[in-house]
Protein backbone atom coordinates (compact mmCIF):
# COMPACT_ATOMS: atom_id res chain seq x y z
CA MET A 1 88.88 19.32 131.48
CA LYS A 2 85.56 18.06 132.86
CA LEU A 3 84.15 19.91 135.84
CA GLN A 4 81.78 18.47 138.43
CA HIS A 5 79.40 19.98 140.97
CA LYS A 6 81.97 19.52 143.72
CA ASP A 7 84.60 21.60 141.87
CA LEU A 8 82.11 24.39 141.28
CA LEU A 9 80.99 24.40 144.93
CA GLU A 10 84.55 24.56 146.24
CA ALA A 11 85.35 27.51 143.96
CA GLY A 12 82.19 29.38 145.01
CA VAL A 13 80.72 29.51 141.51
CA HIS A 14 77.18 29.26 142.92
CA PHE A 15 77.25 32.56 144.85
CA GLY A 16 75.35 35.40 143.19
CA HIS A 17 74.69 39.03 144.07
CA LEU A 18 72.23 40.52 146.51
CA THR A 19 68.59 39.91 145.64
CA ARG A 20 67.91 43.62 145.21
CA LYS A 21 70.62 43.82 142.51
CA TRP A 22 69.42 40.93 140.39
CA HIS A 23 68.44 41.07 136.72
CA PRO A 24 65.08 39.48 135.85
CA ASN A 25 66.49 37.74 132.76
CA MET A 26 68.74 35.68 135.05
CA ALA A 27 65.69 34.04 136.68
CA PRO A 28 66.02 30.72 134.71
CA PHE A 29 69.58 30.29 136.08
CA ILE A 30 68.81 31.07 139.75
CA PHE A 31 68.27 28.09 142.05
CA MET A 32 67.13 29.80 145.26
CA GLU A 33 67.53 32.77 147.58
CA ARG A 34 69.43 32.47 150.84
CA HIS A 35 70.25 35.21 153.38
CA GLY A 36 69.42 37.89 150.84
CA ILE A 37 71.74 36.39 148.19
CA HIS A 38 70.76 34.50 145.05
CA ILE A 39 72.19 31.02 144.56
CA ILE A 40 73.03 30.00 140.97
CA ASP A 41 71.82 26.65 139.65
CA LEU A 42 75.01 24.65 139.03
CA ASN A 43 73.22 22.17 136.76
CA LYS A 44 72.49 25.03 134.36
CA THR A 45 76.08 26.23 134.75
CA LEU A 46 77.46 22.85 133.70
CA LEU A 47 75.12 22.64 130.71
CA GLN A 48 76.00 26.14 129.49
CA LEU A 49 79.70 25.51 130.10
CA GLN A 50 79.58 22.32 128.04
CA GLU A 51 77.89 24.12 125.15
CA ALA A 52 80.43 26.96 125.28
CA THR A 53 83.44 24.61 125.39
CA GLN A 54 82.19 22.69 122.34
CA ALA A 55 81.73 25.91 120.36
CA LEU A 56 85.17 27.24 121.36
CA GLN A 57 86.80 23.94 120.49
CA GLY A 58 85.25 24.08 117.03
CA LEU A 59 86.51 27.64 116.48
CA ALA A 60 90.02 26.71 117.60
CA ARG A 61 89.98 23.64 115.34
CA ALA A 62 89.13 25.92 112.43
CA GLY A 63 92.15 28.13 113.21
CA LYS A 64 90.14 31.13 114.41
CA ARG A 65 91.42 33.77 116.85
CA ILE A 66 89.61 34.23 120.18
CA LEU A 67 89.97 37.47 122.15
CA PHE A 68 89.96 37.35 125.98
CA VAL A 69 88.63 40.46 127.73
CA ALA A 70 88.84 41.07 131.50
CA THR A 71 89.74 44.38 133.15
CA LYS A 72 88.73 43.42 136.72
CA LYS A 73 91.46 43.03 139.31
CA GLN A 74 90.23 39.55 140.23
CA ALA A 75 90.43 38.32 136.63
CA LYS A 76 93.33 40.25 135.08
CA ALA A 77 96.20 37.95 135.98
CA VAL A 78 94.30 34.71 135.31
CA VAL A 79 93.03 35.79 131.88
CA GLU A 80 96.40 37.18 130.78
CA GLN A 81 98.22 34.01 131.82
CA GLU A 82 95.72 31.72 130.07
CA ALA A 83 95.68 33.81 126.87
CA LYS A 84 99.48 33.84 126.70
CA ARG A 85 99.57 30.07 127.22
CA LEU A 86 97.17 29.55 124.32
CA GLY A 87 98.76 32.22 122.10
CA MET A 88 95.51 34.19 121.87
CA PRO A 89 95.02 38.00 122.03
CA TYR A 90 93.81 39.55 125.26
CA VAL A 91 92.76 42.89 126.77
CA THR A 92 93.35 43.25 130.52
CA GLU A 93 93.60 47.04 130.73
CA ARG A 94 91.07 49.63 129.64
CA TRP A 95 89.01 48.65 126.62
CA LEU A 96 89.66 51.24 123.93
CA GLY A 97 86.44 52.31 122.27
CA GLY A 98 86.43 51.11 118.67
CA THR A 99 88.84 48.22 119.21
CA LEU A 100 86.57 46.13 116.99
CA THR A 101 84.43 48.63 115.07
CA ASN A 102 87.38 50.94 114.30
CA PHE A 103 90.04 48.28 113.93
CA VAL A 104 91.96 50.28 111.31
CA THR A 105 92.82 52.96 113.89
CA ILE A 106 93.90 50.31 116.40
CA ARG A 107 96.21 48.80 113.77
CA ARG A 108 97.68 52.26 113.20
CA LEU A 109 98.41 52.59 116.92
CA ILE A 110 100.05 49.15 116.94
CA LYS A 111 102.29 50.20 114.03
CA LYS A 112 103.19 53.34 115.94
CA MET A 113 104.17 51.24 118.95
CA THR A 114 106.39 48.99 116.85
CA SER A 115 108.01 52.04 115.21
CA PHE A 116 108.88 53.36 118.70
CA GLU A 117 110.52 50.03 119.52
CA LYS A 118 112.65 50.19 116.36
CA LEU A 119 113.53 53.81 117.05
CA MET A 120 114.74 53.08 120.58
CA LYS A 121 117.12 50.44 119.23
CA ASP A 122 118.56 52.87 116.67
CA THR A 123 121.55 55.13 117.33
CA ALA A 124 119.49 58.19 116.38
CA TYR A 125 117.51 57.74 119.61
CA GLN A 126 120.69 58.08 121.65
CA ASN A 127 121.52 61.37 119.92
CA MET A 128 118.13 62.89 120.82
CA ALA A 129 117.60 65.30 123.67
CA LYS A 130 116.76 63.78 127.03
CA LYS A 131 113.28 65.29 127.03
CA GLU A 132 112.47 63.77 123.64
CA GLN A 133 113.71 60.38 124.79
CA LEU A 134 111.46 60.57 127.87
CA MET A 135 108.42 61.53 125.79
CA ILE A 136 108.97 58.65 123.37
CA ALA A 137 109.51 56.19 126.23
CA ARG A 138 106.30 57.30 128.00
CA GLU A 139 104.25 57.09 124.81
CA LYS A 140 105.63 53.62 124.11
CA ALA A 141 104.90 52.43 127.66
CA LYS A 142 101.31 53.72 127.42
CA LEU A 143 100.68 51.99 124.09
CA GLU A 144 102.21 48.75 125.35
CA ARG A 145 100.02 48.81 128.45
CA LEU A 146 96.88 49.15 126.33
CA LEU A 147 97.76 47.23 123.15
CA LEU A 148 100.42 44.68 124.02
CA GLY A 149 97.85 41.86 124.17
CA VAL A 150 96.53 42.60 120.66
CA ALA A 151 99.83 43.56 119.02
CA ASP A 152 99.93 40.39 116.90
CA THR A 153 96.35 40.58 115.63
CA THR A 154 96.02 41.35 111.93
CA ARG A 155 92.28 40.69 111.60
CA LEU A 156 89.15 40.79 113.74
CA PRO A 157 88.71 37.93 116.25
CA ALA A 158 86.19 35.18 115.62
CA ALA A 159 84.86 35.25 119.21
CA LEU A 160 85.16 37.08 122.54
CA VAL A 161 85.52 35.58 126.01
CA ILE A 162 84.45 38.21 128.55
CA VAL A 163 84.41 38.36 132.34
CA ASP A 164 81.66 40.65 133.73
CA ILE A 165 79.63 41.96 130.78
CA ASN A 166 78.38 44.92 132.86
CA ARG A 167 81.91 46.25 133.11
CA GLU A 168 82.77 45.40 129.48
CA HIS A 169 79.48 46.60 127.98
CA ILE A 170 81.28 48.53 125.21
CA ALA A 171 83.04 45.38 124.03
CA VAL A 172 79.73 43.50 124.05
CA LYS A 173 78.01 46.19 121.97
CA GLU A 174 80.83 46.29 119.43
CA ALA A 175 80.73 42.50 119.08
CA GLN A 176 76.95 42.60 118.61
CA LYS A 177 77.30 45.23 115.91
CA LEU A 178 79.81 43.12 113.99
CA GLY A 179 78.05 39.80 114.60
CA ILE A 180 80.92 38.31 116.63
CA PRO A 181 79.80 35.61 119.12
CA VAL A 182 80.40 36.36 122.80
CA PHE A 183 81.18 33.82 125.55
CA ALA A 184 80.73 35.44 128.95
CA LEU A 185 80.58 34.73 132.66
CA THR A 186 77.19 36.10 133.69
CA ASP A 187 76.41 36.84 137.33
CA THR A 188 72.91 37.39 138.75
CA ASN A 189 73.16 41.15 138.16
CA THR A 190 73.77 40.84 134.37
CA ASP A 191 71.55 40.34 131.33
CA PRO A 192 72.37 36.94 129.73
CA THR A 193 70.38 37.78 126.57
CA CYS A 194 73.14 40.22 125.50
CA VAL A 195 75.59 37.40 124.82
CA ASP A 196 75.48 34.28 122.67
CA TYR A 197 76.91 31.80 125.19
CA PRO A 198 76.17 32.88 128.79
CA ILE A 199 77.81 30.87 131.58
CA PRO A 200 75.97 31.59 134.87
CA SER A 201 78.66 31.88 137.52
CA ASN A 202 80.23 34.13 140.11
CA ASP A 203 82.35 36.68 138.23
CA ASP A 204 83.66 38.44 141.38
CA ALA A 205 85.58 35.61 143.09
CA SER A 206 89.05 34.98 141.65
CA ARG A 207 88.80 31.20 142.23
CA SER A 208 85.51 31.01 140.34
CA VAL A 209 86.86 33.04 137.41
CA GLU A 210 90.05 30.96 137.30
CA LEU A 211 88.11 27.68 137.22
CA ILE A 212 85.80 28.73 134.39
CA ILE A 213 88.54 30.41 132.33
CA LYS A 214 90.78 27.34 132.63
CA ALA A 215 87.92 25.10 131.51
CA LEU A 216 87.39 27.27 128.44
CA GLY A 217 91.14 27.41 127.84
CA SER A 218 91.45 23.61 127.93
CA ALA A 219 88.70 23.35 125.28
CA ILE A 220 90.59 25.81 123.06
CA GLU A 221 93.80 23.87 123.63
CA ASP A 222 92.11 20.62 122.55
CA GLY A 223 90.87 22.29 119.39
CA LEU A 224 94.37 23.59 118.56
CA ALA A 225 95.84 20.13 119.20
CA GLU A 226 93.31 18.55 116.82
CA ARG A 227 94.14 21.14 114.17
CA LYS A 228 97.88 20.47 114.53
CA LYS A 229 97.36 16.71 114.34
CA HIS A 230 95.22 17.04 111.22
CA ALA A 231 97.83 19.29 109.59
CA GLU A 232 100.58 16.75 110.29
CA GLU A 233 98.56 13.83 108.93
CA ALA A 234 97.37 15.58 105.76
CA PRO A 235 100.72 15.85 103.86
CA ALA A 236 101.97 12.43 104.99
CA LYS A 237 99.78 10.36 102.63
CA PRO A 238 100.91 6.77 101.96
CA LYS A 239 102.73 6.07 98.70
CA ALA A 240 100.10 3.57 97.57
CA THR A 241 97.37 6.21 97.58
CA GLN A 242 99.63 8.65 95.73
CA GLU A 243 100.40 6.03 93.06
CA ALA A 244 96.70 5.19 92.71
CA VAL A 245 95.86 8.85 92.20
CA ALA A 246 98.61 9.21 89.58
CA ALA A 247 97.43 6.06 87.70
CA LYS A 248 93.85 7.32 87.68
CA ARG A 249 95.01 10.66 86.31
CA ASP A 250 96.97 8.91 83.52
CA ARG A 251 93.91 6.83 82.60
CA ASN A 252 91.77 9.91 82.31
CA VAL A 253 94.37 11.60 80.09
CA LYS A 254 94.51 8.54 77.78
CA LYS A 255 90.73 8.48 77.46
CA LEU A 256 90.69 12.13 76.50
CA THR A 257 93.43 11.72 73.87
CA SER A 258 91.78 8.63 72.34
CA SER A 259 88.42 10.39 72.04
CA THR A 260 90.02 13.35 70.26
CA GLU A 261 91.89 11.04 67.85
CA GLU A 262 88.67 9.20 66.95
CA ALA A 263 87.04 12.50 66.15
CA VAL A 264 89.91 13.47 63.79
CA VAL A 265 90.47 10.04 62.03
CA PRO A 266 89.01 10.00 58.39
CA ALA A 267 86.12 7.69 57.50
CA PRO A 268 86.80 4.35 55.64
CA LYS A 269 86.55 3.95 51.80
CA ALA A 270 83.16 2.22 51.80
CA THR A 271 81.55 5.04 53.70
CA GLN A 272 83.24 7.58 51.42
CA GLN A 273 81.91 5.85 48.24
CA ALA A 274 78.38 5.72 49.67
CA ALA A 275 78.60 9.38 50.51
CA ASP A 276 79.82 10.22 46.99
CA LYS A 277 76.91 8.28 45.42
CA THR A 278 74.34 10.05 47.52
CA THR A 279 75.82 13.44 46.65
CA LYS A 280 75.85 12.61 42.89
CA SER A 281 72.23 11.41 42.88
CA ALA A 282 71.16 14.49 44.79
CA ALA A 283 72.95 16.73 42.23
CA GLU A 284 71.30 14.96 39.25
CA GLU A 285 67.83 15.30 40.75
CA ALA A 286 68.45 18.97 41.35
CA LYS A 287 69.49 19.47 37.70
CA LYS A 288 66.36 17.72 36.38
CA THR A 289 64.06 19.83 38.46
CA THR A 290 65.82 23.03 37.42
CA ALA A 291 65.65 22.03 33.72
CA LYS A 292 61.93 21.28 33.81
CA VAL A 293 60.83 24.44 35.51
CA PRO A 294 62.27 26.98 32.97
CA LYS A 295 60.76 25.17 29.91
CA LYS A 296 57.24 25.45 31.24
CA ALA A 297 57.84 29.04 32.06
CA ALA A 298 59.22 29.65 28.57
CA THR A 299 56.20 28.08 26.78
CA THR A 300 53.79 30.15 28.79
CA GLN A 301 55.83 33.26 28.15
CA GLU A 302 55.97 32.51 24.35
CA LYS A 303 52.20 32.03 24.10
CA GLU A 304 51.40 35.31 25.74
CA PRO A 305 53.39 37.55 23.31
CA ALA A 306 51.92 35.70 20.26
CA LYS A 307 48.43 36.56 21.40
CA LYS A 308 49.44 40.17 21.89
CA VAL A 309 50.95 40.37 18.35
CA ALA A 310 47.81 38.83 16.77
CA SER A 311 45.61 41.30 18.57
CA LYS A 312 47.77 44.19 17.29
CA ILE A 313 47.87 42.94 13.67
CA ALA A 314 44.12 42.17 13.39
CA PRO A 315 42.88 45.78 13.59
CA LYS A 316 45.50 46.94 11.06
CA THR A 317 44.41 44.42 8.44
CA ALA A 318 40.78 45.35 9.02
CA THR A 319 41.45 49.03 8.31
CA LYS A 320 43.35 48.18 5.06
CA THR A 321 40.46 46.12 3.64
CA THR A 322 37.94 48.81 4.39
CA LYS A 323 40.09 51.39 2.60
CA LYS A 324 40.40 49.21 -0.57
CA LYS A 325 36.65 48.67 -0.74
CA ALA A 326 36.04 52.43 -0.51
CA GLU A 327 38.51 53.13 -3.36
CA LYS A 328 36.84 50.51 -5.62
CA GLU A 329 33.44 52.00 -5.04
CA GLU A 330 34.72 55.42 -5.98
CA THR A 331 36.31 54.24 -9.25
CA THR A 332 33.28 52.31 -10.45
CA PRO A 333 30.92 54.48 -12.64
CA ALA A 334 27.44 55.11 -11.54
């Protein structure tokens, strides 16, 4: 859905707030001032809208959930209708504090609401007192009014689409805290730096809100259609490609088996004989070296004890000869 300047002018998208209520950060998106009212630059609106639609289309193509938030009377019906058409979650009543940051508690409330629905269908509900039935019915109606739009959500949304960020400032802060991108209609009295994708437009006129929301919704619808088309084409691969993949797999398996067999096959006889010869020659050389080394050691060891014995015997023989000479001298007469 491509919008033009004429469509935006007819819907009154260019009308801003009074000049005394403006926000200085909206200055780049303001075209002029007329009769005490700021006029929004529609060229900037179209550029920002194009950027936002491309981002939303990419999120929808990826299968992400996008939460619509609008509690203003002018935007309630339009946002709820568009969100239901796209199958996306929405919040059109009071924003419960902690819907994003305390999502566990919100899931508990949703389970409570579903348990009330099951209980009301049971026969035990009919046997209850009238006062108890009324209390359960009121509690269920209250939870449905607040949580019916997010009853199917099991995880946090990937993005938020907000109408009037001044009114939904709690939702904006929670999204900022969790790092969730925000797409918002920003009037001249709002701060566009608070959101990731500001769309400068009139957020008070129902026609303006309807036009912008439908443009965003058509982008989401295109993304969902692309995702569905891709999912249908993916499993329906042609038989030729499947056969080619199977043949390639078989070839790879054969290569692996052949390489393992080559590693296990024994070497031929010639290589075995050469290996035996080398091992024998190496063993003979080792024996020769071992035989030579001990002989040298033995000769050296034999020489050393012989010297020691000679040195021990020499002094003994010397003492014996000296004794004999002394005895002879004594026996000889003077």
